[in-house]
Amino acid sequence: MFEAKVKALNLDQAKERGVERRKRGKSVAYADVTMLVVVGRHLESISYHFMASLLHPTPTAICFFYPLKPTLPSHNFSLLTNTNRFNTKCNAFFDNVANVVDVDHFPSIIQSGILQFQELPDMQRWEFLVFGGLIWIYLTSRPGVLIGAIDAYLLAPLQLGLDNLSGKRNLKTRDFLVGDKIGEGSFGVVYSGVLVPKNVLDGEVNNKGRSKAALLDPKAKDKVILKKVKVEIRGAEEFGEFEEWFNYRLSRAAPETCAEFLGSFVADKTNSKFTKGGKWLVWKFEGDLTLADYMKGRSFPSNLEPVMFGRVLQGVDSFRRNALIIKQIMRQIITSLKKIHDTGIVHRDIKPANLVVTKRGRIKLIDFGAATDLRIGKNYVPDRTLLDPDYCPPELYVLPEETPSPPPAPIAAFFSPILWQLNSPDLFDMYSAGIVLLQMAIPTLRSPAGLKNFNLEIKNCGYDLKKWREYTRLRPDFEILDSESGRGWDLATKLISERGLLRRGRLSAASALRHPYFLLGGDQAAAVLSKLSLSRK
């Protein structure tokens, strides 16, 4: 019996020793695996540095941002923590940037700032960079706080100084000879004219009819457009000052969108054309006919064909040619609107009469007296609106009526990106552009009576162009808009609409230019032009 107990005890002890051996074997194997992992990671690091030494013979700070791998616990090895490794890599990153950038060429104040930045803890460095990036995005977003500040405090004074040196800001009555009247608005009268050469005296022009006729020759090189401000009309003088300001502003920010502005002068005498004390605005002559003038012709839009393309297109039917001309005009209008909107300016009076057609077939915006610069609140009064009822959108105001009066310009400029994002004031002009598209494509809407009837019907339809198409009694011709799978009609429906609760619901100029009407049509237009045989009219 005793021997049996001893054997059983020995057997139990043997089992326990076997279990311990197996545990020790597993522990040894586990430690071996851990050692292999650690050695492998050290070999990986050595190989990285070896390749770096081949690529960079000179010693430089190298930073490798690779994902951290999970490590197995080890009882015999101590590894760097993830935090220390991250700090080491960040230090290497900033040190490498400091080595690349040569701070010796910067002013002392910037060098001091860079040194202070390098002394900051790593987390504060990253916080500083992220905060600076957000500020940069905000200052450069539309309508451009930073660019506007550069324009106001650097470019505008520079332009003023250069204009004073060249004499642009010192124009006189005797510098111009006024010709025929070519148009009239609520606050001004527009004339053709010429810039009198410096070597021609005022008396010679007035006394010699032959000299006067020669200067007013339509082929004269120094032709100008003059606008007399109706100072006797209430608000006209302020209107003229705003128009002058906006022309100077756009001559710096988007000169290709409007006619070249030459300056202004105050009449110093009274005669058949001038009234002493009256203000005149002067532009370089680029064309004396507006889109409205061409639309009055029965042959529109084909009467613009030689102007837009320089020649008469041959080899394609008239319908496709007319559609191409309208598309080219709309592309230019919306492109110009995008450029002025990017500067914070809303025109507020887009219509065919304010779109001049140049001799080279370019469409340019004119008459900025009703414009507003919502970057600084220029010419913006919350409870006042200047508009043409035939072309204005249903919201009537460029900003909600409850919008307060603008604060001083620097403060208004700083908060302008928020105001712009919340209200999208540029969509005010896009509705008017949609009306221009309808007028060009639908002949019955070109007359004043037809346009007024359209506005009554579209209002009754809740400014839903699709409902208006089913409801209208004007018998419009949708052939041009329905061509190319109805892309033109789709663009018109997305321009002529209400804004909605979030003041959206209408395409911006940038979005309109990405519409298939222009993207697909542009390729087709290029293909058509490349295949056509061109002949002069």
Protein backbone atom coordinates (compact mmCIF):
# COMPACT_ATOMS: atom_id res chain seq x y z
CA MET A 1 0.00 0.00 0.00
CA PHE A 2 2.82 2.38 0.93
CA GLU A 3 4.64 1.68 -2.34
CA ALA A 4 1.49 2.44 -4.31
CA LYS A 5 1.20 5.84 -2.61
CA VAL A 6 4.85 6.60 -3.35
CA LYS A 7 4.40 5.71 -6.99
CA ALA A 8 1.30 7.91 -7.22
CA LEU A 9 3.17 10.79 -5.60
CA ASN A 10 6.11 10.39 -7.98
CA LEU A 11 3.69 10.31 -10.90
CA ASP A 12 2.06 13.58 -9.80
CA GLN A 13 5.43 15.23 -9.36
CA ALA A 14 6.51 14.07 -12.79
CA LYS A 15 3.37 15.54 -14.31
CA GLU A 16 4.00 18.88 -12.56
CA ARG A 17 7.61 18.91 -13.77
CA GLY A 18 6.40 18.18 -17.32
CA VAL A 19 3.95 21.03 -17.16
CA GLU A 20 6.70 23.35 -15.86
CA ARG A 21 9.02 22.25 -18.67
CA ARG A 22 6.33 22.94 -21.25
CA LYS A 23 5.67 26.37 -19.71
CA ARG A 24 9.36 27.16 -19.71
CA GLY A 25 9.57 26.02 -23.31
CA LYS A 26 6.74 28.27 -24.31
CA SER A 27 8.29 31.18 -22.40
CA VAL A 28 11.61 30.60 -24.09
CA ALA A 29 9.93 30.34 -27.48
CA TYR A 30 7.90 33.49 -26.73
CA ALA A 31 11.07 35.34 -25.73
CA ASP A 32 12.79 34.06 -28.86
CA VAL A 33 9.99 35.37 -31.02
CA THR A 34 10.12 38.73 -29.23
CA MET A 35 13.86 38.91 -29.79
CA LEU A 36 13.41 38.15 -33.48
CA VAL A 37 10.78 40.90 -33.82
CA VAL A 38 12.98 43.47 -32.10
CA VAL A 39 16.04 42.46 -34.12
CA GLY A 40 13.97 42.65 -37.28
CA ARG A 41 12.81 46.18 -36.47
CA HIS A 42 16.40 47.23 -35.75
CA LEU A 43 17.48 45.75 -39.08
CA GLU A 44 14.63 47.64 -40.78
CA SER A 45 15.77 50.89 -39.20
CA ILE A 46 19.38 50.20 -40.19
CA SER A 47 18.33 49.52 -43.79
CA TYR A 48 16.36 52.83 -43.91
CA HIS A 49 19.37 54.79 -42.71
CA PHE A 50 21.66 52.89 -45.09
CA MET A 51 19.46 53.81 -48.09
CA ALA A 52 19.27 57.38 -46.85
CA SER A 53 23.06 57.54 -46.64
CA LEU A 54 23.26 56.45 -50.27
CA LEU A 55 20.79 59.14 -51.35
CA HIS A 56 22.21 61.84 -49.04
CA PRO A 57 26.02 61.55 -48.69
CA THR A 58 26.12 64.52 -46.33
CA PRO A 59 24.63 64.05 -42.87
CA THR A 60 21.11 65.51 -42.72
CA ALA A 61 18.17 65.17 -40.39
CA ILE A 62 15.87 62.44 -41.74
CA CYS A 63 12.29 61.90 -40.60
CA PHE A 64 10.29 58.77 -41.48
CA PHE A 65 6.54 58.87 -41.00
CA TYR A 66 5.47 55.22 -41.22
CA PRO A 67 2.57 53.60 -39.33
CA LEU A 68 3.43 52.31 -35.86
CA LYS A 69 3.31 48.49 -35.65
CA PRO A 70 1.92 46.65 -32.61
CA THR A 71 4.72 45.23 -30.44
CA LEU A 72 4.69 42.10 -28.36
CA PRO A 73 5.43 42.47 -24.64
CA SER A 74 8.96 41.55 -23.65
CA HIS A 75 10.45 41.05 -20.22
CA ASN A 76 14.05 41.49 -21.31
CA PHE A 77 14.02 44.48 -23.74
CA SER A 78 12.99 48.14 -23.25
CA LEU A 79 11.71 49.98 -26.32
CA LEU A 80 11.00 53.68 -26.88
CA THR A 81 7.40 54.65 -26.32
CA ASN A 82 5.22 55.91 -29.18
CA THR A 83 5.18 59.41 -27.71
CA ASN A 84 8.97 59.69 -27.66
CA ARG A 85 9.20 58.31 -31.17
CA PHE A 86 6.61 60.84 -32.43
CA ASN A 87 8.44 63.70 -30.73
CA THR A 88 11.72 62.55 -32.28
CA LYS A 89 10.18 62.48 -35.75
CA CYS A 90 8.58 65.91 -35.32
CA ASN A 91 11.86 67.37 -34.16
CA ALA A 92 13.57 65.88 -37.19
CA PHE A 93 10.82 67.27 -39.44
CA PHE A 94 11.08 70.83 -38.12
CA ASP A 95 14.88 70.68 -38.08
CA ASN A 96 14.89 69.50 -41.68
CA VAL A 97 12.60 72.41 -42.67
CA ALA A 98 14.89 74.82 -40.86
CA ASN A 99 17.89 73.43 -42.76
CA VAL A 100 16.14 73.77 -46.11
CA VAL A 101 15.00 77.37 -45.49
CA ASP A 102 17.87 79.82 -45.37
CA VAL A 103 16.75 82.31 -42.74
CA ASP A 104 19.80 84.52 -43.22
CA HIS A 105 18.11 86.22 -46.19
CA PHE A 106 15.08 87.29 -44.14
CA PRO A 107 14.80 90.54 -42.15
CA SER A 108 15.92 90.40 -38.53
CA ILE A 109 12.37 90.48 -37.17
CA ILE A 110 11.43 87.41 -39.24
CA GLN A 111 14.63 85.62 -38.17
CA SER A 112 13.74 86.30 -34.55
CA GLY A 113 10.25 84.92 -35.09
CA ILE A 114 11.61 81.74 -36.70
CA LEU A 115 14.01 81.17 -33.80
CA GLN A 116 11.21 81.63 -31.28
CA PHE A 117 9.05 79.21 -33.26
CA GLN A 118 11.82 76.57 -33.15
CA GLU A 119 12.05 76.91 -29.38
CA LEU A 120 8.36 76.07 -28.89
CA PRO A 121 7.30 72.58 -27.77
CA ASP A 122 6.30 70.24 -30.57
CA MET A 123 2.58 70.31 -29.81
CA GLN A 124 2.51 74.10 -29.76
CA ARG A 125 4.31 74.15 -33.11
CA TRP A 126 1.63 72.01 -34.71
CA GLU A 127 -1.14 74.06 -33.11
CA PHE A 128 0.47 77.21 -34.47
CA LEU A 129 0.71 75.73 -37.99
CA VAL A 130 -2.90 74.50 -37.99
CA PHE A 131 -4.20 77.83 -36.71
CA GLY A 132 -2.14 79.74 -39.29
CA GLY A 133 -3.48 77.51 -42.07
CA LEU A 134 -7.08 78.17 -41.05
CA ILE A 135 -6.45 81.92 -40.93
CA TRP A 136 -4.89 81.78 -44.40
CA ILE A 137 -7.90 79.92 -45.82
CA TYR A 138 -10.29 82.45 -44.26
CA LEU A 139 -8.39 85.53 -45.51
CA THR A 140 -8.12 84.19 -49.07
CA SER A 141 -11.70 82.90 -49.38
CA ARG A 142 -14.22 84.92 -51.38
CA PRO A 143 -14.51 87.88 -51.45
CA GLY A 144 -10.81 88.03 -50.56
CA VAL A 145 -9.98 89.89 -47.35
CA LEU A 146 -6.22 89.69 -47.89
CA ILE A 147 -6.30 90.58 -51.59
CA GLY A 148 -8.73 93.41 -50.88
CA ALA A 149 -6.43 94.83 -48.22
CA ILE A 150 -3.49 94.72 -50.63
CA ASP A 151 -5.60 96.50 -53.24
CA ALA A 152 -6.88 99.19 -50.84
CA TYR A 153 -3.63 100.00 -49.05
CA LEU A 154 -1.04 99.32 -51.74
CA LEU A 155 -2.38 99.11 -55.29
CA ALA A 156 -4.92 101.95 -55.07
CA PRO A 157 -2.42 104.54 -53.74
CA LEU A 158 0.12 103.33 -56.30
CA GLN A 159 -2.42 103.76 -59.11
CA LEU A 160 -3.30 107.23 -57.83
CA GLY A 161 0.34 108.27 -57.83
CA LEU A 162 1.00 106.94 -61.32
CA ASP A 163 -2.17 108.55 -62.69
CA ASN A 164 -1.16 111.90 -61.23
CA LEU A 165 2.25 111.62 -62.85
CA SER A 166 0.75 110.68 -66.23
CA GLY A 167 -1.98 113.34 -66.05
CA LYS A 168 -4.97 110.95 -65.97
CA ARG A 169 -6.28 112.58 -62.81
CA ASN A 170 -5.87 116.07 -64.28
CA LEU A 171 -8.22 115.90 -67.27
CA LYS A 172 -9.80 119.15 -68.49
CA THR A 173 -12.75 120.16 -70.62
CA ARG A 174 -10.44 121.25 -73.43
CA ASP A 175 -8.97 117.75 -73.66
CA PHE A 176 -12.12 116.38 -75.33
CA LEU A 177 -14.38 117.12 -78.24
CA VAL A 178 -17.91 115.85 -77.67
CA GLY A 179 -19.76 114.28 -80.57
CA ASP A 180 -23.23 112.77 -80.97
CA LYS A 181 -25.43 111.49 -78.21
CA ILE A 182 -25.58 107.68 -78.23
CA GLY A 183 -27.64 106.89 -75.12
CA GLU A 184 -29.29 108.18 -71.97
CA GLY A 185 -30.11 106.75 -68.56
CA SER A 186 -31.71 107.90 -65.33
CA PHE A 187 -28.56 109.57 -64.05
CA GLY A 188 -26.47 110.29 -67.13
CA VAL A 189 -26.21 110.97 -70.85
CA VAL A 190 -23.66 109.15 -73.01
CA TYR A 191 -21.84 110.75 -75.95
CA SER A 192 -19.22 109.73 -78.44
CA GLY A 193 -16.14 111.93 -78.62
CA VAL A 194 -12.44 112.18 -79.24
CA LEU A 195 -9.37 113.03 -77.23
CA VAL A 196 -7.96 116.27 -78.64
CA PRO A 197 -4.23 116.00 -79.45
CA LYS A 198 -1.91 118.08 -77.31
CA ASN A 199 -0.62 120.03 -80.31
CA VAL A 200 -4.13 121.25 -81.26
CA LEU A 201 -5.29 124.41 -79.52
CA ASP A 202 -8.84 124.84 -78.26
CA GLY A 203 -9.44 127.86 -80.51
CA GLU A 204 -8.39 125.98 -83.62
CA VAL A 205 -10.94 123.25 -82.99
CA ASN A 206 -13.80 125.65 -82.30
CA ASN A 207 -13.08 128.06 -85.17
CA LYS A 208 -12.24 125.60 -87.92
CA GLY A 209 -15.11 123.33 -88.77
CA ARG A 210 -12.84 121.23 -90.98
CA SER A 211 -10.55 120.40 -88.03
CA LYS A 212 -13.55 119.52 -85.88
CA ALA A 213 -15.00 117.23 -88.54
CA ALA A 214 -11.64 115.53 -89.00
CA LEU A 215 -11.34 114.87 -85.27
CA LEU A 216 -14.86 113.41 -85.10
CA ASP A 217 -14.21 111.07 -88.02
CA PRO A 218 -15.49 107.56 -87.11
CA LYS A 219 -12.06 106.21 -88.04
CA ALA A 220 -10.26 108.49 -85.58
CA LYS A 221 -7.79 106.64 -83.38
CA ASP A 222 -8.43 108.59 -80.17
CA LYS A 223 -12.16 107.97 -79.89
CA VAL A 224 -13.67 107.94 -76.41
CA ILE A 225 -17.02 107.50 -74.71
CA LEU A 226 -18.10 110.33 -72.41
CA LYS A 227 -20.85 110.20 -69.82
CA LYS A 228 -22.31 113.42 -68.42
CA VAL A 229 -23.70 113.00 -64.93
CA LYS A 230 -27.09 114.67 -64.49
CA VAL A 231 -26.13 116.75 -61.48
CA GLU A 232 -29.58 118.34 -61.43
CA ILE A 233 -31.16 114.93 -60.62
CA ARG A 234 -31.23 113.99 -56.96
CA GLY A 235 -28.76 111.20 -56.23
CA ALA A 236 -27.07 111.43 -59.64
CA GLU A 237 -23.87 112.97 -58.30
CA GLU A 238 -23.46 110.21 -55.72
CA PHE A 239 -24.28 107.69 -58.43
CA GLY A 240 -21.47 109.10 -60.60
CA GLU A 241 -18.96 108.96 -57.74
CA PHE A 242 -19.75 105.29 -57.13
CA GLU A 243 -19.42 104.48 -60.82
CA GLU A 244 -16.02 106.17 -60.91
CA TRP A 245 -14.86 104.24 -57.82
CA PHE A 246 -15.96 100.89 -59.23
CA ASN A 247 -14.29 101.54 -62.58
CA TYR A 248 -10.99 102.29 -60.85
CA ARG A 249 -11.41 99.23 -58.64
CA LEU A 250 -12.08 96.90 -61.57
CA SER A 251 -9.28 98.43 -63.63
CA ARG A 252 -6.98 96.91 -61.00
CA ALA A 253 -8.84 93.71 -60.08
CA ALA A 254 -10.53 92.58 -63.34
CA PRO A 255 -9.67 94.96 -66.21
CA GLU A 256 -10.84 92.55 -68.91
CA THR A 257 -14.44 92.65 -67.67
CA CYS A 258 -15.17 96.31 -68.43
CA ALA A 259 -14.20 99.09 -70.82
CA GLU A 260 -10.90 100.83 -70.12
CA PHE A 261 -11.56 103.74 -67.80
CA LEU A 262 -9.58 106.89 -68.59
CA GLY A 263 -10.73 109.09 -65.70
CA SER A 264 -13.09 111.96 -64.98
CA PHE A 265 -13.18 115.74 -65.05
CA VAL A 266 -15.39 118.61 -63.93
CA ALA A 267 -16.46 121.07 -66.64
CA ASP A 268 -14.87 124.48 -66.16
CA LYS A 269 -17.13 126.35 -68.59
CA THR A 270 -20.65 126.36 -69.98
CA ASN A 271 -21.53 125.91 -73.65
CA SER A 272 -23.78 123.78 -75.83
CA LYS A 273 -22.34 120.55 -74.41
CA PHE A 274 -20.82 121.43 -71.05
CA THR A 275 -22.34 122.89 -67.92
CA LYS A 276 -19.88 124.44 -65.53
CA GLY A 277 -19.47 122.26 -62.45
CA GLY A 278 -20.88 119.18 -64.18
CA LYS A 279 -19.02 115.90 -63.82
CA TRP A 280 -17.97 113.78 -66.79
CA LEU A 281 -16.66 110.19 -66.91
CA VAL A 282 -14.46 109.05 -69.79
CA TRP A 283 -13.74 105.60 -71.25
CA LYS A 284 -11.67 104.44 -74.15
CA PHE A 285 -13.89 103.69 -77.14
CA GLU A 286 -14.32 99.95 -77.62
CA GLY A 287 -17.72 99.94 -79.27
CA ASP A 288 -20.78 102.17 -79.38
CA LEU A 289 -23.38 99.40 -79.69
CA THR A 290 -24.71 97.34 -76.82
CA LEU A 291 -26.24 93.87 -76.88
CA ALA A 292 -29.64 95.59 -76.66
CA ASP A 293 -28.89 97.48 -79.90
CA TYR A 294 -28.11 94.24 -81.72
CA MET A 295 -31.16 92.48 -80.26
CA LYS A 296 -33.42 95.13 -81.79
CA GLY A 297 -32.46 93.91 -85.27
CA ARG A 298 -34.63 91.30 -86.93
CA SER A 299 -31.59 89.29 -87.94
CA PHE A 300 -30.34 88.78 -84.37
CA PRO A 301 -28.23 86.85 -83.50
CA SER A 302 -26.82 86.41 -87.01
CA ASN A 303 -26.09 90.16 -87.17
CA LEU A 304 -23.43 89.53 -84.50
CA GLU A 305 -21.74 86.76 -86.48
CA PRO A 306 -19.09 88.88 -88.23
CA VAL A 307 -18.43 90.76 -84.98
CA MET A 308 -18.08 87.68 -82.77
CA PHE A 309 -15.99 85.62 -85.18
CA GLY A 310 -14.51 88.30 -87.47
CA ARG A 311 -15.97 86.52 -90.48
CA VAL A 312 -19.14 84.89 -91.76
CA LEU A 313 -19.24 81.17 -91.01
CA GLN A 314 -19.94 78.95 -93.98
CA GLY A 315 -20.72 75.26 -94.19
CA VAL A 316 -23.32 74.93 -91.44
CA ASP A 317 -27.02 75.75 -91.20
CA SER A 318 -28.16 79.06 -89.75
CA PHE A 319 -29.85 77.46 -86.73
CA ARG A 320 -26.63 75.94 -85.43
CA ARG A 321 -24.76 79.15 -86.14
CA ASN A 322 -27.29 81.17 -84.14
CA ALA A 323 -27.10 78.72 -81.23
CA LEU A 324 -23.31 78.98 -81.29
CA ILE A 325 -23.38 82.81 -81.22
CA ILE A 326 -25.76 82.87 -78.23
CA LYS A 327 -23.62 80.36 -76.38
CA GLN A 328 -20.47 82.41 -76.95
CA ILE A 329 -22.20 85.55 -75.66
CA MET A 330 -23.46 83.79 -72.52
CA ARG A 331 -20.06 82.30 -71.85
CA GLN A 332 -18.47 85.76 -71.90
CA ILE A 333 -21.18 87.32 -69.71
CA ILE A 334 -20.94 84.65 -67.01
CA THR A 335 -17.13 84.63 -67.12
CA SER A 336 -17.09 88.39 -66.48
CA LEU A 337 -19.61 87.99 -63.65
CA LYS A 338 -17.46 85.33 -62.03
CA LYS A 339 -14.44 87.63 -62.08
CA ILE A 340 -16.21 90.60 -60.49
CA HIS A 341 -17.93 88.36 -57.94
CA ASP A 342 -14.54 87.00 -56.91
CA THR A 343 -13.58 90.55 -55.92
CA GLY A 344 -16.75 90.99 -53.83
CA ILE A 345 -18.59 93.18 -56.37
CA VAL A 346 -22.21 92.56 -57.39
CA HIS A 347 -23.33 94.54 -60.47
CA ARG A 348 -27.09 94.58 -59.65
CA ASP A 349 -28.07 95.90 -63.10
CA ILE A 350 -27.21 93.18 -65.62
CA LYS A 351 -29.24 93.65 -68.82
CA PRO A 352 -28.52 93.86 -72.57
CA ALA A 353 -28.29 97.68 -72.44
CA ASN A 354 -25.36 97.37 -69.98
CA LEU A 355 -23.41 94.88 -72.09
CA VAL A 356 -21.32 96.63 -74.71
CA VAL A 357 -20.08 94.67 -77.73
CA THR A 358 -16.54 95.63 -78.67
CA LYS A 359 -15.14 95.79 -82.19
CA ARG A 360 -13.38 92.48 -81.53
CA GLY A 361 -16.51 90.67 -80.41
CA ARG A 362 -15.90 90.90 -76.68
CA ILE A 363 -18.81 91.46 -74.28
CA LYS A 364 -17.95 93.95 -71.54
CA LEU A 365 -19.90 95.19 -68.53
CA ILE A 366 -20.75 98.87 -68.25
CA ASP A 367 -22.75 101.16 -65.95
CA PHE A 368 -21.53 100.29 -62.44
CA GLY A 369 -23.48 103.06 -60.73
CA ALA A 370 -25.79 100.53 -59.04
CA ALA A 371 -22.99 98.09 -58.17
CA THR A 372 -22.03 97.28 -54.58
CA ASP A 373 -18.79 96.04 -53.09
CA LEU A 374 -19.90 93.75 -50.29
CA ARG A 375 -16.34 93.21 -49.14
CA ILE A 376 -16.35 96.66 -47.51
CA GLY A 377 -20.04 97.63 -47.88
CA LYS A 378 -19.44 100.20 -50.65
CA ASN A 379 -22.72 101.55 -52.07
CA TYR A 380 -24.79 99.25 -49.88
CA VAL A 381 -27.81 100.62 -48.02
CA PRO A 382 -30.02 97.92 -46.43
CA ASP A 383 -33.40 99.56 -47.10
CA ARG A 384 -32.60 100.84 -50.59
CA THR A 385 -32.33 98.98 -53.86
CA LEU A 386 -31.45 100.15 -57.38
CA LEU A 387 -32.87 97.82 -59.97
CA ASP A 388 -34.63 97.39 -63.27
CA PRO A 389 -37.91 95.57 -62.58
CA ASP A 390 -37.67 93.69 -65.87
CA TYR A 391 -34.40 91.97 -64.90
CA CYS A 392 -34.31 91.93 -61.08
CA PRO A 393 -34.76 88.65 -59.16
CA PRO A 394 -37.75 88.00 -56.89
CA GLU A 395 -35.78 88.70 -53.68
CA LEU A 396 -35.37 92.36 -54.84
CA TYR A 397 -32.48 92.97 -52.42
CA VAL A 398 -28.92 91.72 -52.78
CA LEU A 399 -28.89 90.98 -49.03
CA PRO A 400 -31.81 90.35 -46.65
CA GLU A 401 -33.60 93.51 -45.57
CA GLU A 402 -32.75 92.85 -41.92
CA THR A 403 -29.02 93.06 -42.69
CA PRO A 404 -27.59 96.00 -40.70
CA SER A 405 -25.69 98.89 -42.20
CA PRO A 406 -22.03 98.04 -42.86
CA PRO A 407 -19.46 98.94 -40.17
CA PRO A 408 -16.20 100.75 -41.02
CA ALA A 409 -14.41 99.27 -44.04
CA PRO A 410 -11.67 97.28 -42.20
CA ILE A 411 -14.21 95.61 -39.90
CA ALA A 412 -16.63 94.93 -42.76
CA ALA A 413 -13.82 93.42 -44.82
CA PHE A 414 -12.77 91.07 -42.01
CA PHE A 415 -16.28 89.63 -41.60
CA SER A 416 -17.16 89.66 -45.32
CA PRO A 417 -16.40 85.93 -45.94
CA ILE A 418 -19.02 85.00 -43.32
CA LEU A 419 -21.57 87.38 -44.84
CA TRP A 420 -20.85 86.03 -48.32
CA GLN A 421 -21.15 82.38 -47.30
CA LEU A 422 -24.42 82.93 -45.46
CA ASN A 423 -26.18 84.98 -48.17
CA SER A 424 -24.49 84.26 -51.55
CA PRO A 425 -25.21 87.77 -52.88
CA ASP A 426 -23.64 86.94 -56.25
CA LEU A 427 -26.75 84.94 -57.16
CA PHE A 428 -28.58 88.26 -57.56
CA ASP A 429 -26.77 88.85 -60.87
CA MET A 430 -27.25 85.27 -62.04
CA TYR A 431 -31.03 85.65 -62.25
CA SER A 432 -30.57 88.66 -64.52
CA ALA A 433 -28.14 86.66 -66.67
CA GLY A 434 -30.81 83.98 -67.04
CA ILE A 435 -33.30 86.57 -68.32
CA VAL A 436 -30.72 87.72 -70.90
CA LEU A 437 -30.33 84.11 -72.05
CA LEU A 438 -34.09 83.73 -72.50
CA GLN A 439 -34.32 86.98 -74.46
CA MET A 440 -31.56 85.97 -76.85
CA ALA A 441 -32.99 82.49 -77.43
CA ILE A 442 -36.72 83.36 -77.54
CA PRO A 443 -37.59 86.17 -80.00
CA THR A 444 -40.98 87.01 -78.44
CA LEU A 445 -39.25 88.10 -75.19
CA ARG A 446 -37.00 90.71 -76.83
CA SER A 447 -39.64 93.44 -76.98
CA PRO A 448 -40.44 95.49 -73.86
CA ALA A 449 -44.06 94.32 -73.93
CA GLY A 450 -43.10 90.66 -74.30
CA LEU A 451 -40.64 90.90 -71.39
CA LYS A 452 -43.21 92.55 -69.11
CA ASN A 453 -45.76 89.84 -69.90
CA PHE A 454 -43.13 87.19 -69.13
CA ASN A 455 -42.42 88.75 -65.73
CA LEU A 456 -46.12 88.75 -64.86
CA GLU A 457 -46.50 85.11 -65.86
CA ILE A 458 -43.33 83.88 -64.15
CA LYS A 459 -44.41 85.59 -60.92
CA ASN A 460 -47.78 83.83 -61.05
CA CYS A 461 -45.92 80.54 -61.54
CA GLY A 462 -43.82 81.05 -58.42
CA TYR A 463 -40.71 81.73 -60.53
CA ASP A 464 -40.73 78.12 -61.71
CA LEU A 465 -39.67 78.18 -65.35
CA LYS A 466 -40.96 74.66 -66.02
CA LYS A 467 -44.44 75.62 -64.83
CA TRP A 468 -44.26 78.82 -66.87
CA ARG A 469 -43.55 76.79 -70.01
CA GLU A 470 -46.81 74.91 -69.54
CA TYR A 471 -48.76 77.99 -68.51
CA THR A 472 -47.56 80.74 -70.88
CA ARG A 473 -49.70 82.19 -73.65
CA LEU A 474 -46.78 83.97 -75.34
CA ARG A 475 -46.14 81.06 -77.74
CA PRO A 476 -42.36 81.12 -77.26
CA ASP A 477 -39.98 79.34 -79.59
CA PHE A 478 -37.83 76.96 -77.52
CA GLU A 479 -35.94 75.47 -80.46
CA ILE A 480 -32.53 76.90 -79.57
CA LEU A 481 -32.86 76.07 -75.86
CA ASP A 482 -34.09 72.54 -76.59
CA SER A 483 -31.19 71.77 -78.94
CA GLU A 484 -28.24 69.68 -77.71
CA SER A 485 -30.53 67.54 -75.53
CA GLY A 486 -32.07 70.59 -73.86
CA ARG A 487 -28.89 71.76 -72.11
CA GLY A 488 -29.70 75.42 -72.72
CA TRP A 489 -33.18 75.02 -71.24
CA ASP A 490 -31.75 73.20 -68.21
CA LEU A 491 -29.29 76.06 -67.61
CA ALA A 492 -32.10 78.62 -67.86
CA THR A 493 -34.24 76.75 -65.28
CA LYS A 494 -31.31 76.76 -62.84
CA LEU A 495 -30.72 80.49 -63.23
CA ILE A 496 -34.32 81.74 -63.17
CA SER A 497 -35.60 80.50 -59.84
CA GLU A 498 -36.24 81.57 -56.28
CA ARG A 499 -33.50 81.44 -53.66
CA GLY A 500 -35.27 79.33 -51.02
CA LEU A 501 -34.90 79.37 -47.24
CA LEU A 502 -31.11 78.92 -47.29
CA ARG A 503 -30.72 81.58 -50.03
CA ARG A 504 -29.44 78.97 -52.45
CA GLY A 505 -31.36 77.31 -55.27
CA ARG A 506 -29.65 79.20 -58.12
CA LEU A 507 -26.37 78.51 -59.90
CA SER A 508 -23.40 80.72 -59.18
CA ALA A 509 -21.23 81.96 -62.04
CA ALA A 510 -18.57 79.33 -61.31
CA SER A 511 -21.17 76.53 -61.24
CA ALA A 512 -22.85 77.83 -64.41
CA LEU A 513 -19.57 77.68 -66.32
CA ARG A 514 -19.30 74.00 -65.36
CA HIS A 515 -22.79 73.29 -66.69
CA PRO A 516 -22.96 70.82 -69.64
CA TYR A 517 -24.33 73.64 -71.81
CA PHE A 518 -20.83 75.09 -71.86
CA LEU A 519 -18.64 72.05 -71.23
CA LEU A 520 -20.05 69.80 -73.92
CA GLY A 521 -21.04 72.66 -76.18
CA GLY A 522 -17.53 74.12 -76.09
CA ASP A 523 -16.07 70.94 -77.57
CA GLN A 524 -18.74 70.84 -80.23
CA ALA A 525 -18.21 74.52 -81.05
CA ALA A 526 -14.48 73.97 -81.44
CA ALA A 527 -15.14 71.01 -83.73
CA VAL A 528 -17.59 73.03 -85.84
CA LEU A 529 -15.22 75.98 -86.18
CA SER A 530 -12.33 73.72 -87.14
CA LYS A 531 -14.33 72.14 -89.96
CA LEU A 532 -15.88 75.30 -91.34
CA SER A 533 -14.52 77.13 -94.35
CA LEU A 534 -14.39 80.80 -93.47
CA SER A 535 -15.03 83.57 -95.94
CA ARG A 536 -15.21 87.30 -95.39
CA LYS A 537 -18.63 88.83 -95.68
